Amino acid sequence: MSDPALERALLRDRWIVGACLALLVAFACLWLWRDHAAMAAWQDAMAAMGMKQIEGGPMASSSAPAAYLAEAFVMWLIMMVAMMLPSAAPMILLYGKLARSLCQQGGVFASTTLFAGLYLAVWGGFSTAAALLQWALVRSGAISAMGLALGDRRIAGAFLVAAGLYQLTPLKHACLEKCRSPLAFLMQFWRPGLAGAARLGLTHGAYCLGCCAMLMALLFVFGVMNLGWAALLAIMVLIEKIAPGGQWIGRLAGIAALALGGAMIWSAPLEGLHL
């Protein structure tokens, strides 16, 4: 005999999944805000003691590379959750709806949690690479240990040019089209059961990574700890994926990045610029 309460809950699956996604994003944003506030307080304390050249910061409290990399990985992963889940929500919600509908019709159970979890696991891989790159850039002095932003205007300009060029490539366009069409994506790649959920989550994560990784790398230009720029990049990703004409807005953003990056390289002073 079926449980009426459970049936009512399943009928509201979009609200349940949506609420979970919203709570996860809210938690990630609060965590990042806490880290940002801790960094700002540390900077103020050092400035009050008259320390102009500050090396390190809260993340660099331990000299062990493993400890630094672990902290950097957690920071990047939480940022990716906060920045990428809003734009992935339509795909996750649609997957949950289709999975429940097929299950009610006698199909094999497919887990929305597994689908979303492996989507985020792909961004976990990106977070690992970003943490390693951050550690290498800090050790080389290419980025400041405080704001985690590139100090050399020419290198920052090169990052912008690379991101701008990628925005105009066929690969970017192909990945973006998969992300902009959740129903078409699920119809093309759907497989039943837990194995199908895992495959779909990894596939969607790979396309999303191909679509947005270069935009996320721009955090090194504007400052990894700069929440304003992180929010703007997240909005840019959201517009690209769900707004009418979002693909053209993304291309315009690529042209703007090319122009800004070229101007920065052309006019770079010898001493560089701290963004």
Protein backbone atom coordinates (compact mmCIF):
# COMPACT_ATOMS: atom_id res chain seq x y z
CA MET A 1 0.00 0.00 0.00
CA SER A 2 1.41 3.37 -1.02
CA ASP A 3 2.12 6.14 1.45
CA PRO A 4 0.04 9.25 0.58
CA ALA A 5 2.54 11.53 2.33
CA LEU A 6 5.41 10.11 0.27
CA GLU A 7 3.42 10.46 -2.95
CA ARG A 8 2.69 14.11 -2.18
CA ALA A 9 6.38 14.68 -1.50
CA LEU A 10 7.35 13.08 -4.81
CA LEU A 11 4.88 15.27 -6.66
CA ARG A 12 6.70 18.25 -5.23
CA ASP A 13 10.12 16.96 -6.27
CA ARG A 14 11.02 20.13 -8.14
CA TRP A 15 10.47 22.17 -5.01
CA ILE A 16 12.45 19.71 -2.89
CA VAL A 17 15.41 19.53 -5.27
CA GLY A 18 15.27 23.28 -5.89
CA ALA A 19 15.25 24.01 -2.18
CA CYS A 20 18.27 21.72 -1.66
CA LEU A 21 20.17 23.44 -4.46
CA ALA A 22 19.29 26.86 -3.07
CA LEU A 23 20.45 25.87 0.41
CA LEU A 24 23.71 24.49 -0.97
CA VAL A 25 24.39 27.69 -2.93
CA ALA A 26 23.48 29.82 0.10
CA PHE A 27 25.84 27.81 2.30
CA ALA A 28 28.65 28.20 -0.26
CA CYS A 29 28.07 31.96 -0.49
CA LEU A 30 28.10 32.35 3.29
CA TRP A 31 31.32 30.32 3.51
CA LEU A 32 32.98 32.52 0.88
CA TRP A 33 31.74 35.66 2.62
CA ARG A 34 33.25 34.40 5.86
CA ASP A 35 36.60 33.78 4.18
CA HIS A 36 36.45 37.21 2.54
CA ALA A 37 35.70 38.87 5.88
CA ALA A 38 38.56 36.98 7.53
CA MET A 39 40.95 38.12 4.80
CA ALA A 40 39.80 41.75 5.11
CA ALA A 41 40.19 41.65 8.89
CA TRP A 42 43.68 40.19 8.54
CA GLN A 43 44.66 42.90 6.07
CA ASP A 44 43.37 45.61 8.40
CA ALA A 45 45.30 44.14 11.31
CA MET A 46 48.53 44.04 9.33
CA ALA A 47 47.98 47.59 8.07
CA ALA A 48 47.38 48.78 11.63
CA MET A 49 50.80 47.39 12.58
CA GLY A 50 52.37 49.30 9.71
CA MET A 51 53.26 46.25 7.63
CA LYS A 52 53.18 47.38 4.01
CA GLN A 53 54.69 44.32 2.40
CA ILE A 54 52.54 41.46 3.56
CA GLU A 55 53.42 37.93 2.64
CA GLY A 56 50.99 35.13 3.16
CA GLY A 57 47.60 35.48 4.75
CA PRO A 58 45.07 33.28 6.49
CA MET A 59 45.52 30.54 3.89
CA ALA A 60 49.30 30.69 4.21
CA SER A 61 49.33 30.17 7.97
CA SER A 62 50.91 26.78 7.40
CA SER A 63 54.11 26.43 5.41
CA ALA A 64 53.25 22.85 4.43
CA PRO A 65 52.29 22.67 0.73
CA ALA A 66 49.74 19.93 1.43
CA ALA A 67 47.90 22.10 3.98
CA TYR A 68 47.90 25.09 1.64
CA LEU A 69 46.67 23.01 -1.29
CA ALA A 70 43.91 21.47 0.81
CA GLU A 71 42.67 24.90 1.91
CA ALA A 72 42.90 26.25 -1.63
CA PHE A 73 41.02 23.23 -3.00
CA VAL A 74 38.17 23.69 -0.50
CA MET A 75 37.96 27.39 -1.34
CA TRP A 76 37.81 26.74 -5.10
CA LEU A 77 35.29 23.91 -4.75
CA ILE A 78 32.95 26.05 -2.65
CA MET A 79 33.29 28.86 -5.19
CA MET A 80 32.39 26.49 -8.01
CA VAL A 81 29.33 25.29 -6.10
CA ALA A 82 28.19 28.87 -5.54
CA MET A 83 28.93 29.99 -9.11
CA MET A 84 27.91 26.97 -11.18
CA LEU A 85 24.90 25.39 -9.44
CA PRO A 86 22.48 28.25 -10.24
CA SER A 87 23.06 27.81 -13.98
CA ALA A 88 22.97 23.99 -13.67
CA ALA A 89 19.71 24.00 -11.71
CA PRO A 90 17.41 23.77 -14.80
CA MET A 91 19.23 20.64 -15.98
CA ILE A 92 19.19 19.04 -12.51
CA LEU A 93 15.51 19.84 -11.96
CA LEU A 94 14.52 18.48 -15.37
CA TYR A 95 16.56 15.33 -14.78
CA GLY A 96 14.80 14.80 -11.45
CA LYS A 97 11.39 15.24 -13.04
CA LEU A 98 12.12 12.80 -15.87
CA ALA A 99 13.69 10.26 -13.51
CA ARG A 100 10.66 10.29 -11.21
CA SER A 101 8.23 10.07 -14.13
CA LEU A 102 10.00 7.06 -15.64
CA CYS A 103 10.26 5.39 -12.23
CA GLN A 104 6.51 5.76 -11.70
CA GLN A 105 5.95 4.13 -15.09
CA GLY A 106 7.94 1.07 -14.03
CA GLY A 107 11.36 2.20 -15.22
CA VAL A 108 14.65 1.67 -13.38
CA PHE A 109 15.35 4.10 -10.54
CA ALA A 110 17.76 6.93 -11.44
CA SER A 111 19.27 9.05 -8.69
CA THR A 112 19.13 12.84 -9.01
CA THR A 113 21.61 13.09 -6.14
CA LEU A 114 24.10 10.91 -8.01
CA PHE A 115 23.61 12.94 -11.19
CA ALA A 116 24.19 16.26 -9.40
CA GLY A 117 27.00 14.85 -7.26
CA LEU A 118 29.04 13.65 -10.22
CA TYR A 119 28.38 16.92 -12.03
CA LEU A 120 29.99 18.68 -9.05
CA ALA A 121 32.77 16.05 -8.99
CA VAL A 122 33.89 17.29 -12.41
CA TRP A 123 34.18 20.78 -10.96
CA GLY A 124 36.05 19.19 -8.08
CA GLY A 125 38.66 18.13 -10.61
CA PHE A 126 38.81 21.69 -11.91
CA SER A 127 39.18 22.91 -8.33
CA THR A 128 42.16 20.61 -7.84
CA ALA A 129 43.86 22.01 -10.96
CA ALA A 130 43.04 25.60 -9.91
CA ALA A 131 44.47 25.03 -6.42
CA LEU A 132 47.70 23.63 -7.89
CA LEU A 133 47.97 26.57 -10.28
CA GLN A 134 47.30 29.03 -7.46
CA TRP A 135 50.00 27.45 -5.31
CA ALA A 136 52.50 27.59 -8.17
CA LEU A 137 51.66 31.22 -8.98
CA VAL A 138 51.95 32.29 -5.34
CA ARG A 139 55.31 30.55 -4.97
CA SER A 140 56.59 32.21 -8.14
CA GLY A 141 55.35 35.64 -7.03
CA ALA A 142 53.13 36.01 -10.10
CA ILE A 143 50.05 36.56 -7.94
CA SER A 144 49.77 38.28 -4.59
CA ALA A 145 49.38 36.00 -1.61
CA MET A 146 46.69 38.32 -0.23
CA GLY A 147 44.14 39.05 -2.95
CA LEU A 148 45.32 36.17 -5.16
CA ALA A 149 45.35 38.39 -8.24
CA LEU A 150 47.93 38.61 -11.01
CA GLY A 151 50.25 41.52 -10.37
CA ASP A 152 51.78 41.71 -13.85
CA ARG A 153 49.47 43.56 -16.23
CA ARG A 154 50.84 41.73 -19.25
CA ILE A 155 50.14 38.30 -17.78
CA ALA A 156 46.67 39.42 -16.71
CA GLY A 157 46.08 40.72 -20.23
CA ALA A 158 47.20 37.40 -21.69
CA PHE A 159 44.65 35.58 -19.49
CA LEU A 160 41.92 37.90 -20.78
CA VAL A 161 42.98 37.43 -24.40
CA ALA A 162 43.00 33.65 -24.00
CA ALA A 163 39.54 33.70 -22.42
CA GLY A 164 38.23 36.06 -25.09
CA LEU A 165 39.54 33.89 -27.91
CA TYR A 166 38.05 30.77 -26.36
CA GLN A 167 34.63 32.45 -26.14
CA LEU A 168 34.65 32.60 -29.95
CA THR A 169 35.74 29.01 -30.66
CA PRO A 170 33.50 26.23 -32.04
CA LEU A 171 34.31 24.12 -28.95
CA LYS A 172 32.91 26.78 -26.64
CA HIS A 173 29.81 27.11 -28.82
CA ALA A 174 29.24 23.33 -28.91
CA CYS A 175 29.57 22.98 -25.12
CA LEU A 176 27.31 25.97 -24.52
CA GLU A 177 24.61 24.55 -26.80
CA LYS A 178 24.52 21.34 -24.73
CA CYS A 179 24.15 23.38 -21.54
CA ARG A 180 21.46 25.65 -23.01
CA SER A 181 19.23 22.74 -24.10
CA PRO A 182 18.57 20.48 -21.08
CA LEU A 183 15.80 18.48 -22.75
CA ALA A 184 17.80 17.86 -25.93
CA PHE A 185 20.81 16.88 -23.82
CA LEU A 186 18.83 14.37 -21.75
CA MET A 187 17.15 12.90 -24.82
CA GLN A 188 20.55 12.37 -26.45
CA PHE A 189 22.46 10.97 -23.47
CA TRP A 190 19.81 9.42 -21.23
CA ARG A 191 20.58 5.96 -19.86
CA PRO A 192 18.54 4.15 -17.19
CA GLY A 193 19.55 3.32 -13.64
CA LEU A 194 22.35 4.45 -11.38
CA ALA A 195 25.00 3.84 -14.02
CA GLY A 196 23.03 6.08 -16.38
CA ALA A 197 22.76 8.80 -13.73
CA ALA A 198 26.51 8.64 -13.15
CA ARG A 199 27.27 8.81 -16.87
CA LEU A 200 24.90 11.72 -17.38
CA GLY A 201 26.33 13.65 -14.44
CA LEU A 202 29.89 13.26 -15.69
CA THR A 203 28.89 14.09 -19.26
CA HIS A 204 27.01 17.21 -18.25
CA GLY A 205 29.91 18.23 -16.02
CA ALA A 206 32.36 17.81 -18.89
CA TYR A 207 30.28 19.98 -21.23
CA CYS A 208 29.83 22.58 -18.49
CA LEU A 209 33.57 22.57 -17.85
CA GLY A 210 34.23 23.08 -21.55
CA CYS A 211 31.77 25.95 -21.52
CA CYS A 212 32.91 27.82 -18.42
CA ALA A 213 36.44 26.83 -17.30
CA MET A 214 38.14 29.75 -19.05
CA LEU A 215 35.69 32.20 -17.47
CA MET A 216 36.45 30.74 -14.04
CA ALA A 217 40.19 31.14 -14.72
CA LEU A 218 39.60 34.90 -14.96
CA LEU A 219 39.34 34.90 -11.17
CA PHE A 220 43.14 34.97 -11.23
CA VAL A 221 42.92 38.27 -13.13
CA PHE A 222 40.36 39.99 -10.94
CA GLY A 223 41.31 38.35 -7.65
CA VAL A 224 40.25 34.94 -6.39
CA MET A 225 39.05 36.57 -3.16
CA ASN A 226 37.16 39.35 -4.99
CA LEU A 227 33.53 38.42 -4.36
CA GLY A 228 32.22 41.20 -6.60
CA TRP A 229 33.97 39.84 -9.67
CA ALA A 230 33.06 36.27 -8.71
CA ALA A 231 29.39 37.31 -8.61
CA LEU A 232 29.68 39.03 -12.00
CA LEU A 233 31.27 35.96 -13.57
CA ALA A 234 28.52 33.77 -12.10
CA ILE A 235 25.89 36.10 -13.58
CA MET A 236 27.68 35.96 -16.93
CA VAL A 237 27.56 32.15 -16.86
CA LEU A 238 23.87 32.23 -15.94
CA ILE A 239 23.07 34.65 -18.79
CA GLU A 240 24.97 32.53 -21.30
CA LYS A 241 23.12 29.38 -20.31
CA ILE A 242 19.53 30.48 -19.81
CA ALA A 243 18.92 33.94 -21.29
CA PRO A 244 17.48 34.33 -24.82
CA GLY A 245 20.42 35.07 -27.09
CA GLY A 246 22.83 34.14 -24.31
CA GLN A 247 25.29 32.63 -26.78
CA TRP A 248 25.62 35.98 -28.57
CA ILE A 249 26.04 37.82 -25.28
CA GLY A 250 28.85 35.39 -24.50
CA ARG A 251 30.54 36.17 -27.81
CA LEU A 252 30.26 39.90 -27.16
CA ALA A 253 31.83 39.30 -23.76
CA GLY A 254 34.65 37.44 -25.52
CA ILE A 255 35.27 40.38 -27.85
CA ALA A 256 35.28 42.74 -24.86
CA ALA A 257 37.78 40.48 -23.05
CA LEU A 258 39.99 40.44 -26.15
CA ALA A 259 39.92 44.23 -26.39
CA LEU A 260 40.61 44.75 -22.68
CA GLY A 261 43.36 42.13 -22.60
CA GLY A 262 45.04 43.58 -25.68
CA ALA A 263 44.90 47.09 -24.22
CA MET A 264 46.42 45.85 -20.95
CA ILE A 265 49.28 44.13 -22.73
CA TRP A 266 49.91 47.09 -25.03
CA SER A 267 49.95 49.67 -22.25
CA ALA A 268 51.57 47.56 -19.52
CA PRO A 269 54.06 49.56 -17.45
CA LEU A 270 57.25 47.85 -16.40
CA GLU A 271 56.21 47.70 -12.79
CA GLY A 272 52.91 45.91 -13.61
CA LEU A 273 49.50 46.60 -12.20
CA HIS A 274 47.77 45.23 -9.12
CA LEU A 275 44.14 44.74 -10.12
